[in-house]
Amino acid sequence: MSKHPTPIRLAALLVVLLAPAARADIPPTLVGVSYQFSIPIGNTYNYTPPVSWRGIGLDVATFIQRDLAVGLAFGWNVFFENTTSTLHIRGTDVTGNQDRTLNVWPTLVNVRWFPKISSNRDIQPYISANAGGYIIERYLAIGTTASQETHYHFGLAPEIGVFIQNPVGAVFISARYNMAFASGGVPFQQFLSFSLGYAWER
């Protein structure tokens, strides 16, 4: 048997030696949690006009290139109003003291692109495209009478944000335009959600 390394053995050795270095250049998977507040738009505003201050988010992002990540985004946003204004719903005008609530649970897949805008890697903006489903629970109570309906909506959500890195993770800020298409008699829903969160390496 020859004691000299063959080209195949040399190639295999180079792969073993260089693979860890190549992987080290790509950031690991990030997990982030966030507080969210949301501004209703369109039909969402017509049903519950006030800004929602109740919202949480969970994001997971895995880098497939240095500037590109794929992931999942989960959330829970609550819109509420107590009002006596007339509500037109399913062809009927409803009046009287009302409690109106929308619970929204987005489950989205996304792609995030991190453009190289500056040499400062500690501040990294990104653009994201989200698509998936929105579970929307609509609750209406008038006096002692209440009704509730829950439907699954397909939706889209363009997003912009920025990661501000520190030695142990990153603070992130984002704005997402949520669009849930009509389903089950519930019309097209829209709202802007703003997130302030913290992400760390998994």
N, C-alpha and C. Protein backbone atom coordinates (compact mmCIF):
# COMPACT_ATOMS: atom_id res chain seq x y z
N MET A 1 0.85 -1.21 0.00
CA MET A 1 0.00 0.00 0.00
C MET A 1 0.88 1.25 0.00
N SER A 2 0.53 2.24 -0.84
CA SER A 2 1.32 3.45 -0.93
C SER A 2 1.20 4.27 0.34
N LYS A 3 2.37 4.83 0.78
CA LYS A 3 2.37 5.67 1.97
C LYS A 3 2.11 7.13 1.62
N HIS A 4 2.03 7.46 0.34
CA HIS A 4 1.79 8.84 -0.09
C HIS A 4 0.30 9.09 -0.21
N PRO A 5 -0.21 10.23 0.23
CA PRO A 5 -1.64 10.53 0.15
C PRO A 5 -2.08 10.68 -1.29
N THR A 6 -3.18 10.07 -1.62
CA THR A 6 -3.75 10.19 -2.95
C THR A 6 -4.56 11.48 -3.05
N PRO A 7 -4.87 11.94 -4.29
CA PRO A 7 -5.70 13.15 -4.44
C PRO A 7 -7.05 13.03 -3.74
N ILE A 8 -7.63 11.84 -3.73
CA ILE A 8 -8.93 11.67 -3.08
C ILE A 8 -8.80 11.87 -1.58
N ARG A 9 -7.70 11.30 -1.00
CA ARG A 9 -7.50 11.47 0.44
C ARG A 9 -7.24 12.93 0.79
N LEU A 10 -6.48 13.62 -0.06
CA LEU A 10 -6.23 15.04 0.19
C LEU A 10 -7.51 15.86 0.14
N ALA A 11 -8.37 15.55 -0.83
CA ALA A 11 -9.64 16.26 -0.94
C ALA A 11 -10.51 16.02 0.28
N ALA A 12 -10.57 14.77 0.73
CA ALA A 12 -11.37 14.45 1.92
C ALA A 12 -10.84 15.18 3.14
N LEU A 13 -9.50 15.26 3.26
CA LEU A 13 -8.91 15.96 4.40
C LEU A 13 -9.25 17.45 4.37
N LEU A 14 -9.21 18.05 3.16
CA LEU A 14 -9.56 19.46 3.04
C LEU A 14 -11.01 19.73 3.42
N VAL A 15 -11.92 18.84 3.02
CA VAL A 15 -13.33 18.99 3.39
C VAL A 15 -13.51 18.97 4.90
N VAL A 16 -12.83 18.02 5.56
CA VAL A 16 -12.95 17.90 7.01
C VAL A 16 -12.40 19.14 7.71
N LEU A 17 -11.28 19.68 7.18
CA LEU A 17 -10.65 20.83 7.82
C LEU A 17 -11.38 22.13 7.55
N LEU A 18 -11.94 22.27 6.34
CA LEU A 18 -12.55 23.54 5.95
C LEU A 18 -14.02 23.65 6.30
N ALA A 19 -14.74 22.54 6.44
CA ALA A 19 -16.18 22.58 6.71
C ALA A 19 -16.50 23.33 7.99
N PRO A 20 -15.81 23.07 9.13
CA PRO A 20 -16.13 23.82 10.33
C PRO A 20 -15.94 25.32 10.16
N ALA A 21 -14.87 25.71 9.41
CA ALA A 21 -14.64 27.14 9.19
C ALA A 21 -15.75 27.76 8.38
N ALA A 22 -16.22 27.02 7.35
CA ALA A 22 -17.30 27.54 6.52
C ALA A 22 -18.58 27.70 7.32
N ARG A 23 -18.89 26.72 8.18
CA ARG A 23 -20.11 26.79 8.98
C ARG A 23 -19.99 27.89 10.02
N ALA A 24 -18.79 28.13 10.53
CA ALA A 24 -18.62 29.15 11.55
C ALA A 24 -18.91 30.54 11.02
N ASP A 25 -18.83 30.72 9.68
CA ASP A 25 -19.09 32.01 9.09
C ASP A 25 -20.57 32.32 9.00
N ILE A 26 -21.43 31.32 9.18
CA ILE A 26 -22.87 31.49 9.13
C ILE A 26 -23.43 31.50 10.54
N PRO A 27 -24.16 32.55 10.95
CA PRO A 27 -24.70 32.60 12.31
C PRO A 27 -25.62 31.42 12.60
N PRO A 28 -25.74 31.02 13.85
CA PRO A 28 -26.59 29.89 14.21
C PRO A 28 -28.06 30.27 14.20
N THR A 29 -28.89 29.33 14.60
CA THR A 29 -30.32 29.59 14.73
C THR A 29 -30.57 30.57 15.88
N LEU A 30 -31.47 31.53 15.63
CA LEU A 30 -31.84 32.50 16.65
C LEU A 30 -33.27 32.26 17.11
N VAL A 31 -33.53 32.43 18.38
CA VAL A 31 -34.87 32.37 18.97
C VAL A 31 -35.14 33.70 19.64
N GLY A 32 -36.29 34.30 19.34
CA GLY A 32 -36.61 35.60 19.91
C GLY A 32 -38.01 35.67 20.48
N VAL A 33 -38.18 36.40 21.56
CA VAL A 33 -39.50 36.67 22.13
C VAL A 33 -39.70 38.18 22.14
N SER A 34 -40.95 38.62 21.99
CA SER A 34 -41.18 40.05 21.86
C SER A 34 -42.51 40.45 22.47
N TYR A 35 -42.54 41.71 22.89
CA TYR A 35 -43.79 42.39 23.23
C TYR A 35 -44.29 43.09 21.98
N GLN A 36 -45.60 43.08 21.74
CA GLN A 36 -46.16 43.69 20.54
C GLN A 36 -47.33 44.60 20.90
N PHE A 37 -47.43 45.73 20.20
CA PHE A 37 -48.68 46.49 20.20
C PHE A 37 -49.11 46.65 18.75
N SER A 38 -50.42 46.80 18.54
CA SER A 38 -50.95 46.73 17.18
C SER A 38 -51.95 47.86 16.93
N ILE A 39 -51.95 48.34 15.70
CA ILE A 39 -52.87 49.39 15.26
C ILE A 39 -53.83 48.79 14.25
N PRO A 40 -55.15 48.76 14.55
CA PRO A 40 -56.12 48.17 13.62
C PRO A 40 -56.33 49.03 12.40
N ILE A 41 -56.62 48.39 11.26
CA ILE A 41 -56.86 49.08 9.99
C ILE A 41 -58.10 48.47 9.34
N GLY A 42 -58.84 49.26 8.58
CA GLY A 42 -59.95 48.76 7.79
C GLY A 42 -61.04 48.10 8.62
N ASN A 43 -61.42 46.86 8.25
CA ASN A 43 -62.49 46.15 8.96
C ASN A 43 -62.13 45.86 10.41
N THR A 44 -60.86 45.65 10.68
CA THR A 44 -60.43 45.44 12.06
C THR A 44 -60.69 46.69 12.88
N TYR A 45 -60.38 47.85 12.30
CA TYR A 45 -60.65 49.12 12.98
C TYR A 45 -62.15 49.34 13.16
N ASN A 46 -62.96 48.98 12.17
CA ASN A 46 -64.40 49.17 12.28
C ASN A 46 -65.00 48.35 13.43
N TYR A 47 -64.38 47.21 13.70
CA TYR A 47 -64.92 46.35 14.77
C TYR A 47 -64.35 46.74 16.14
N THR A 48 -63.04 46.97 16.21
CA THR A 48 -62.39 47.36 17.48
C THR A 48 -61.38 48.47 17.18
N PRO A 49 -61.79 49.74 17.22
CA PRO A 49 -60.91 50.84 16.84
C PRO A 49 -59.68 51.07 17.73
N PRO A 50 -59.73 50.82 19.04
CA PRO A 50 -58.57 51.19 19.86
C PRO A 50 -57.30 50.42 19.50
N VAL A 51 -56.17 51.07 19.75
CA VAL A 51 -54.88 50.40 19.61
C VAL A 51 -54.81 49.25 20.62
N SER A 52 -54.28 48.12 20.18
CA SER A 52 -54.13 46.97 21.07
C SER A 52 -52.76 47.04 21.74
N TRP A 53 -52.76 47.04 23.07
CA TRP A 53 -51.51 47.04 23.82
C TRP A 53 -51.18 45.66 24.36
N ARG A 54 -51.97 44.66 23.94
CA ARG A 54 -51.76 43.30 24.43
C ARG A 54 -51.32 42.40 23.28
N GLY A 55 -50.07 42.03 23.29
CA GLY A 55 -49.57 41.16 22.24
C GLY A 55 -48.21 40.58 22.59
N ILE A 56 -47.96 39.36 22.18
CA ILE A 56 -46.67 38.70 22.38
C ILE A 56 -46.28 37.99 21.08
N GLY A 57 -45.00 37.74 20.90
CA GLY A 57 -44.53 37.07 19.70
C GLY A 57 -43.39 36.12 20.01
N LEU A 58 -43.26 35.10 19.19
CA LEU A 58 -42.15 34.14 19.26
C LEU A 58 -41.64 33.93 17.85
N ASP A 59 -40.35 34.13 17.64
CA ASP A 59 -39.73 34.01 16.32
C ASP A 59 -38.55 33.05 16.37
N VAL A 60 -38.43 32.24 15.33
CA VAL A 60 -37.28 31.34 15.16
C VAL A 60 -36.72 31.57 13.77
N ALA A 61 -35.42 31.81 13.67
CA ALA A 61 -34.78 32.07 12.38
C ALA A 61 -33.51 31.23 12.25
N THR A 62 -33.39 30.52 11.14
CA THR A 62 -32.21 29.72 10.85
C THR A 62 -31.53 30.27 9.60
N PHE A 63 -30.26 30.62 9.71
CA PHE A 63 -29.53 31.19 8.59
C PHE A 63 -29.11 30.10 7.62
N ILE A 64 -29.43 30.32 6.34
CA ILE A 64 -28.98 29.41 5.30
C ILE A 64 -27.84 30.04 4.49
N GLN A 65 -27.70 31.35 4.63
CA GLN A 65 -26.55 32.08 4.13
C GLN A 65 -26.27 33.18 5.13
N ARG A 66 -25.15 33.86 4.93
CA ARG A 66 -24.78 34.93 5.86
C ARG A 66 -25.85 36.02 5.93
N ASP A 67 -26.49 36.31 4.79
CA ASP A 67 -27.46 37.41 4.74
C ASP A 67 -28.89 36.93 4.52
N LEU A 68 -29.16 35.63 4.68
CA LEU A 68 -30.49 35.10 4.40
C LEU A 68 -30.88 34.06 5.45
N ALA A 69 -32.09 34.23 6.01
CA ALA A 69 -32.58 33.30 7.04
C ALA A 69 -34.02 32.91 6.74
N VAL A 70 -34.37 31.69 7.09
CA VAL A 70 -35.76 31.22 7.00
C VAL A 70 -36.22 30.91 8.42
N GLY A 71 -37.55 31.05 8.64
CA GLY A 71 -38.00 30.83 10.00
C GLY A 71 -39.50 30.77 10.15
N LEU A 72 -39.91 30.84 11.40
CA LEU A 72 -41.32 30.80 11.79
C LEU A 72 -41.60 31.97 12.72
N ALA A 73 -42.83 32.48 12.65
CA ALA A 73 -43.26 33.56 13.53
C ALA A 73 -44.63 33.21 14.10
N PHE A 74 -44.72 33.25 15.42
CA PHE A 74 -45.98 32.99 16.11
C PHE A 74 -46.35 34.23 16.92
N GLY A 75 -47.65 34.44 17.14
CA GLY A 75 -48.05 35.60 17.91
C GLY A 75 -49.43 35.45 18.51
N TRP A 76 -49.75 36.40 19.36
CA TRP A 76 -51.09 36.51 19.95
C TRP A 76 -51.36 38.00 20.15
N ASN A 77 -52.36 38.52 19.44
CA ASN A 77 -52.73 39.92 19.53
C ASN A 77 -54.20 40.02 19.92
N VAL A 78 -54.49 40.89 20.89
CA VAL A 78 -55.84 41.02 21.43
C VAL A 78 -56.35 42.44 21.21
N PHE A 79 -57.48 42.56 20.51
CA PHE A 79 -58.14 43.84 20.29
C PHE A 79 -59.45 43.84 21.09
N PHE A 80 -59.72 44.95 21.79
CA PHE A 80 -60.91 45.00 22.64
C PHE A 80 -61.49 46.40 22.66
N GLU A 81 -62.83 46.46 22.71
CA GLU A 81 -63.51 47.74 22.93
C GLU A 81 -64.86 47.50 23.58
N ASN A 82 -65.18 48.37 24.55
CA ASN A 82 -66.53 48.45 25.10
C ASN A 82 -67.17 49.70 24.51
N THR A 83 -68.32 49.53 23.85
CA THR A 83 -68.91 50.65 23.11
C THR A 83 -70.42 50.53 23.05
N THR A 84 -71.06 51.65 22.72
CA THR A 84 -72.51 51.66 22.47
C THR A 84 -72.80 52.02 21.02
N SER A 85 -71.76 52.11 20.18
CA SER A 85 -71.98 52.47 18.78
C SER A 85 -72.65 51.32 18.03
N THR A 86 -73.34 51.66 16.95
CA THR A 86 -74.04 50.65 16.16
C THR A 86 -73.04 49.83 15.36
N LEU A 87 -73.26 48.52 15.37
CA LEU A 87 -72.40 47.60 14.64
C LEU A 87 -73.21 46.92 13.55
N HIS A 88 -72.70 46.98 12.32
CA HIS A 88 -73.34 46.28 11.20
C HIS A 88 -72.59 44.97 10.98
N ILE A 89 -73.26 43.85 11.30
CA ILE A 89 -72.59 42.56 11.21
C ILE A 89 -73.53 41.54 10.58
N ARG A 90 -73.05 40.88 9.54
CA ARG A 90 -73.82 39.85 8.82
C ARG A 90 -75.20 40.36 8.39
N GLY A 91 -75.25 41.62 7.89
CA GLY A 91 -76.48 42.18 7.38
C GLY A 91 -77.43 42.72 8.42
N THR A 92 -76.98 42.78 9.70
CA THR A 92 -77.84 43.23 10.79
C THR A 92 -77.17 44.37 11.55
N ASP A 93 -77.96 45.39 11.91
CA ASP A 93 -77.45 46.47 12.75
C ASP A 93 -77.66 46.11 14.21
N VAL A 94 -76.58 46.17 15.00
CA VAL A 94 -76.62 45.82 16.42
C VAL A 94 -76.35 47.08 17.22
N THR A 95 -77.23 47.38 18.21
CA THR A 95 -77.05 48.54 19.07
C THR A 95 -77.10 48.11 20.53
N GLY A 96 -76.66 49.02 21.41
CA GLY A 96 -76.63 48.71 22.84
C GLY A 96 -75.21 48.63 23.34
N ASN A 97 -75.06 48.47 24.65
CA ASN A 97 -73.73 48.36 25.26
C ASN A 97 -73.08 47.03 24.84
N GLN A 98 -71.91 47.12 24.27
CA GLN A 98 -71.27 45.94 23.69
C GLN A 98 -69.83 45.79 24.15
N ASP A 99 -69.42 44.54 24.32
CA ASP A 99 -68.01 44.18 24.48
C ASP A 99 -67.59 43.48 23.19
N ARG A 100 -66.62 44.06 22.50
CA ARG A 100 -66.14 43.47 21.25
C ARG A 100 -64.67 43.07 21.43
N THR A 101 -64.36 41.84 21.07
CA THR A 101 -63.00 41.33 21.21
C THR A 101 -62.58 40.57 19.97
N LEU A 102 -61.35 40.79 19.54
CA LEU A 102 -60.72 39.98 18.51
C LEU A 102 -59.44 39.38 19.08
N ASN A 103 -59.36 38.06 19.13
CA ASN A 103 -58.12 37.36 19.45
C ASN A 103 -57.53 36.85 18.15
N VAL A 104 -56.28 37.21 17.88
CA VAL A 104 -55.63 36.84 16.62
C VAL A 104 -54.35 36.07 16.93
N TRP A 105 -54.25 34.86 16.34
CA TRP A 105 -53.06 34.02 16.52
C TRP A 105 -52.40 33.79 15.15
N PRO A 106 -51.39 34.55 14.78
CA PRO A 106 -50.69 34.30 13.52
C PRO A 106 -49.71 33.12 13.66
N THR A 107 -49.62 32.32 12.61
CA THR A 107 -48.59 31.28 12.48
C THR A 107 -48.04 31.40 11.06
N LEU A 108 -46.83 31.95 10.95
CA LEU A 108 -46.30 32.35 9.65
C LEU A 108 -44.93 31.74 9.39
N VAL A 109 -44.67 31.40 8.14
CA VAL A 109 -43.32 31.07 7.70
C VAL A 109 -42.75 32.30 7.01
N ASN A 110 -41.43 32.46 7.09
CA ASN A 110 -40.87 33.68 6.54
C ASN A 110 -39.47 33.49 5.99
N VAL A 111 -39.08 34.46 5.20
CA VAL A 111 -37.72 34.59 4.69
C VAL A 111 -37.24 35.99 5.05
N ARG A 112 -36.08 36.07 5.69
CA ARG A 112 -35.51 37.36 6.07
C ARG A 112 -34.22 37.61 5.30
N TRP A 113 -34.13 38.80 4.72
CA TRP A 113 -32.91 39.21 4.01
C TRP A 113 -32.25 40.33 4.79
N PHE A 114 -30.96 40.17 5.05
CA PHE A 114 -30.18 41.13 5.81
C PHE A 114 -29.21 41.85 4.86
N PRO A 115 -29.62 42.97 4.27
CA PRO A 115 -28.74 43.66 3.32
C PRO A 115 -27.52 44.28 4.02
N LYS A 116 -26.40 44.33 3.29
CA LYS A 116 -25.18 44.93 3.81
C LYS A 116 -25.21 46.43 3.53
N ILE A 117 -25.75 47.18 4.49
CA ILE A 117 -25.88 48.62 4.31
C ILE A 117 -24.66 49.36 4.83
N SER A 118 -24.07 48.86 5.92
CA SER A 118 -22.89 49.51 6.50
C SER A 118 -21.93 48.44 7.00
N SER A 119 -20.74 48.87 7.39
CA SER A 119 -19.73 47.95 7.90
C SER A 119 -19.96 47.59 9.36
N ASN A 120 -20.90 48.25 10.01
CA ASN A 120 -21.19 47.98 11.42
C ASN A 120 -22.09 46.75 11.52
N ARG A 121 -21.53 45.62 11.90
CA ARG A 121 -22.30 44.39 11.97
C ARG A 121 -23.15 44.29 13.23
N ASP A 122 -22.94 45.22 14.18
CA ASP A 122 -23.73 45.19 15.42
C ASP A 122 -25.15 45.71 15.19
N ILE A 123 -25.35 46.49 14.14
CA ILE A 123 -26.68 47.01 13.80
C ILE A 123 -27.02 46.49 12.42
N GLN A 124 -27.96 45.55 12.34
CA GLN A 124 -28.27 44.88 11.09
C GLN A 124 -29.75 44.97 10.74
N PRO A 125 -30.15 45.82 9.79
CA PRO A 125 -31.56 45.86 9.35
C PRO A 125 -31.90 44.65 8.51
N TYR A 126 -33.19 44.40 8.38
CA TYR A 126 -33.63 43.28 7.54
C TYR A 126 -34.99 43.58 6.92
N ILE A 127 -35.29 42.85 5.85
CA ILE A 127 -36.60 42.87 5.19
C ILE A 127 -37.11 41.45 5.18
N SER A 128 -38.40 41.26 5.50
CA SER A 128 -38.94 39.91 5.62
C SER A 128 -40.27 39.79 4.89
N ALA A 129 -40.50 38.61 4.31
CA ALA A 129 -41.79 38.27 3.71
C ALA A 129 -42.37 37.10 4.51
N ASN A 130 -43.59 37.29 5.04
CA ASN A 130 -44.27 36.27 5.85
C ASN A 130 -45.53 35.79 5.14
N ALA A 131 -45.82 34.52 5.28
CA ALA A 131 -47.07 33.96 4.75
C ALA A 131 -47.48 32.79 5.63
N GLY A 132 -48.80 32.61 5.75
CA GLY A 132 -49.28 31.50 6.58
C GLY A 132 -50.72 31.68 6.98
N GLY A 133 -51.03 31.32 8.22
CA GLY A 133 -52.41 31.33 8.69
C GLY A 133 -52.62 32.21 9.90
N TYR A 134 -53.84 32.74 10.00
CA TYR A 134 -54.28 33.53 11.15
C TYR A 134 -55.53 32.87 11.72
N ILE A 135 -55.47 32.41 12.94
CA ILE A 135 -56.68 31.99 13.64
C ILE A 135 -57.26 33.23 14.30
N ILE A 136 -58.49 33.59 13.93
CA ILE A 136 -59.13 34.79 14.46
C ILE A 136 -60.42 34.42 15.17
N GLU A 137 -60.47 34.77 16.45
CA GLU A 137 -61.66 34.53 17.26
C GLU A 137 -62.36 35.88 17.48
N ARG A 138 -63.60 35.96 17.04
CA ARG A 138 -64.37 37.19 17.17
C ARG A 138 -65.47 36.99 18.20
N TYR A 139 -65.45 37.83 19.23
CA TYR A 139 -66.40 37.71 20.35
C TYR A 139 -67.22 39.00 20.45
N LEU A 140 -68.52 38.84 20.66
CA LEU A 140 -69.42 39.98 20.82
C LEU A 140 -70.40 39.68 21.93
N ALA A 141 -70.47 40.57 22.93
CA ALA A 141 -71.41 40.43 24.04
C ALA A 141 -72.27 41.68 24.13
N ILE A 142 -73.60 41.49 24.18
CA ILE A 142 -74.55 42.58 24.34
C ILE A 142 -75.46 42.22 25.51
N GLY A 143 -75.27 42.93 26.62
CA GLY A 143 -76.03 42.58 27.83
C GLY A 143 -75.69 41.17 28.28
N THR A 144 -76.71 40.32 28.36
CA THR A 144 -76.49 38.93 28.78
C THR A 144 -76.35 37.97 27.60
N THR A 145 -76.37 38.53 26.39
CA THR A 145 -76.27 37.70 25.18
C THR A 145 -74.86 37.82 24.60
N ALA A 146 -74.28 36.70 24.23
CA ALA A 146 -72.93 36.71 23.67
C ALA A 146 -72.83 35.73 22.52
N SER A 147 -72.00 36.05 21.57
CA SER A 147 -71.73 35.15 20.45
C SER A 147 -70.23 35.11 20.20
N GLN A 148 -69.78 33.97 19.70
CA GLN A 148 -68.36 33.81 19.44
C GLN A 148 -68.17 32.93 18.20
N GLU A 149 -67.24 33.31 17.34
CA GLU A 149 -66.92 32.50 16.18
C GLU A 149 -65.42 32.52 15.94
N THR A 150 -64.89 31.41 15.48
CA THR A 150 -63.45 31.27 15.23
C THR A 150 -63.25 30.72 13.84
N HIS A 151 -62.36 31.37 13.07
CA HIS A 151 -62.09 30.95 11.69
C HIS A 151 -60.61 31.02 11.41
N TYR A 152 -60.19 30.21 10.45
CA TYR A 152 -58.81 30.19 10.00
C TYR A 152 -58.71 30.99 8.71
N HIS A 153 -57.79 31.94 8.67
CA HIS A 153 -57.61 32.83 7.52
C HIS A 153 -56.21 32.67 6.95
N PHE A 154 -56.11 32.58 5.64
CA PHE A 154 -54.80 32.66 5.00
C PHE A 154 -54.38 34.12 5.00
N GLY A 155 -53.08 34.36 5.20
CA GLY A 155 -52.64 35.75 5.25
C GLY A 155 -51.21 35.96 4.81
N LEU A 156 -50.89 37.24 4.58
CA LEU A 156 -49.55 37.68 4.20
C LEU A 156 -49.13 38.81 5.12
N ALA A 157 -47.81 38.99 5.28
CA ALA A 157 -47.34 40.04 6.18
C ALA A 157 -45.92 40.48 5.82
N PRO A 158 -45.78 41.53 5.02
CA PRO A 158 -44.44 42.11 4.82
C PRO A 158 -43.94 42.75 6.12
N GLU A 159 -42.63 42.77 6.29
CA GLU A 159 -42.07 43.21 7.57
C GLU A 159 -40.70 43.86 7.35
N ILE A 160 -40.41 44.86 8.16
CA ILE A 160 -39.07 45.44 8.22
C ILE A 160 -38.64 45.48 9.68
N GLY A 161 -37.35 45.42 9.91
CA GLY A 161 -36.87 45.44 11.27
C GLY A 161 -35.37 45.63 11.35
N VAL A 162 -34.85 45.59 12.56
CA VAL A 162 -33.42 45.75 12.78
C VAL A 162 -33.01 44.95 14.01
N PHE A 163 -31.86 44.29 13.92
CA PHE A 163 -31.24 43.61 15.05
C PHE A 163 -30.08 44.46 15.56
N ILE A 164 -30.02 44.64 16.88
CA ILE A 164 -28.92 45.37 17.52
C ILE A 164 -28.20 44.38 18.41
N GLN A 165 -27.05 43.92 17.99
CA GLN A 165 -26.36 42.83 18.67
C GLN A 165 -25.62 43.31 19.90
N ASN A 166 -25.49 42.39 20.85
CA ASN A 166 -24.67 42.59 22.04
C ASN A 166 -23.92 41.29 22.32
N PRO A 167 -23.07 41.22 23.33
CA PRO A 167 -22.25 40.02 23.52
C PRO A 167 -23.02 38.73 23.76
N VAL A 168 -24.25 38.81 24.23
CA VAL A 168 -24.99 37.59 24.56
C VAL A 168 -26.25 37.38 23.71
N GLY A 169 -26.56 38.27 22.80
CA GLY A 169 -27.76 38.12 21.97
C GLY A 169 -27.99 39.36 21.15
N ALA A 170 -29.27 39.71 20.96
CA ALA A 170 -29.60 40.89 20.16
C ALA A 170 -30.97 41.41 20.53
N VAL A 171 -31.09 42.72 20.62
CA VAL A 171 -32.39 43.38 20.73
C VAL A 171 -32.90 43.58 19.31
N PHE A 172 -34.20 43.35 19.09
CA PHE A 172 -34.73 43.60 17.75
C PHE A 172 -36.02 44.41 17.83
N ILE A 173 -36.21 45.22 16.81
CA ILE A 173 -37.39 46.07 16.66
C ILE A 173 -37.94 45.81 15.27
N SER A 174 -39.26 45.66 15.14
CA SER A 174 -39.82 45.38 13.82
C SER A 174 -41.22 45.96 13.68
N ALA A 175 -41.62 46.12 12.43
CA ALA A 175 -42.98 46.55 12.08
C ALA A 175 -43.51 45.59 11.03
N ARG A 176 -44.70 45.03 11.25
CA ARG A 176 -45.27 44.02 10.36
C ARG A 176 -46.68 44.42 9.96
N TYR A 177 -46.96 44.39 8.66
CA TYR A 177 -48.30 44.71 8.15
C TYR A 177 -49.04 43.40 7.92
N ASN A 178 -49.96 43.08 8.83
CA ASN A 178 -50.69 41.82 8.80
C ASN A 178 -51.94 41.95 7.94
N MET A 179 -52.12 40.99 7.01
CA MET A 179 -53.30 40.96 6.13
C MET A 179 -53.88 39.56 6.16
N ALA A 180 -55.04 39.40 6.79
CA ALA A 180 -55.72 38.10 6.86
C ALA A 180 -56.95 38.16 5.96
N PHE A 181 -56.99 37.31 4.95
CA PHE A 181 -58.06 37.36 3.96
C PHE A 181 -59.37 36.81 4.51
N ALA A 182 -60.48 37.23 3.91
CA ALA A 182 -61.82 36.88 4.39
C ALA A 182 -62.00 35.37 4.48
N SER A 183 -62.73 34.95 5.51
CA SER A 183 -62.99 33.52 5.72
C SER A 183 -64.19 33.35 6.64
N GLY A 184 -65.07 32.41 6.30
CA GLY A 184 -66.20 32.08 7.16
C GLY A 184 -67.15 33.22 7.44
N GLY A 185 -67.25 34.15 6.51
CA GLY A 185 -68.12 35.30 6.73
C GLY A 185 -67.46 36.45 7.46
N VAL A 186 -66.23 36.24 7.94
CA VAL A 186 -65.48 37.32 8.59
C VAL A 186 -64.67 38.03 7.51
N PRO A 187 -64.83 39.36 7.36
CA PRO A 187 -64.19 40.06 6.25
C PRO A 187 -62.68 40.18 6.43
N PHE A 188 -62.05 40.67 5.38
CA PHE A 188 -60.60 40.91 5.34
C PHE A 188 -60.16 41.73 6.55
N GLN A 189 -59.14 41.23 7.27
CA GLN A 189 -58.65 41.90 8.47
C GLN A 189 -57.24 42.42 8.23
N GLN A 190 -56.96 43.61 8.81
CA GLN A 190 -55.64 44.23 8.66
C GLN A 190 -55.23 44.91 9.96
N PHE A 191 -53.95 44.81 10.26
CA PHE A 191 -53.42 45.58 11.39
C PHE A 191 -51.90 45.65 11.28
N LEU A 192 -51.36 46.74 11.82
CA LEU A 192 -49.92 46.92 11.92
C LEU A 192 -49.47 46.50 13.31
N SER A 193 -48.50 45.61 13.38
CA SER A 193 -47.97 45.22 14.68
C SER A 193 -46.52 45.65 14.80
N PHE A 194 -46.18 46.21 15.95
CA PHE A 194 -44.83 46.69 16.23
C PHE A 194 -44.26 45.85 17.37
N SER A 195 -43.05 45.35 17.18
CA SER A 195 -42.46 44.43 18.16
C SER A 195 -41.17 44.99 18.74
N LEU A 196 -40.99 44.75 20.02
CA LEU A 196 -39.72 45.02 20.71
C LEU A 196 -39.35 43.73 21.42
N GLY A 197 -38.23 43.14 21.03
CA GLY A 197 -37.92 41.82 21.58
C GLY A 197 -36.44 41.58 21.79
N TYR A 198 -36.16 40.36 22.24
CA TYR A 198 -34.78 39.95 22.49
C TYR A 198 -34.56 38.59 21.87
N ALA A 199 -33.45 38.40 21.19
CA ALA A 199 -33.14 37.14 20.52
C ALA A 199 -31.79 36.61 21.03
N TRP A 200 -31.69 35.28 21.06
CA TRP A 200 -30.46 34.65 21.49
C TRP A 200 -30.17 33.43 20.63
N GLU A 201 -28.92 32.97 20.65
CA GLU A 201 -28.54 31.82 19.87
C GLU A 201 -29.02 30.53 20.54
N ARG A 202 -29.52 29.62 19.71
CA ARG A 202 -29.98 28.35 20.25
C ARG A 202 -28.85 27.31 20.17
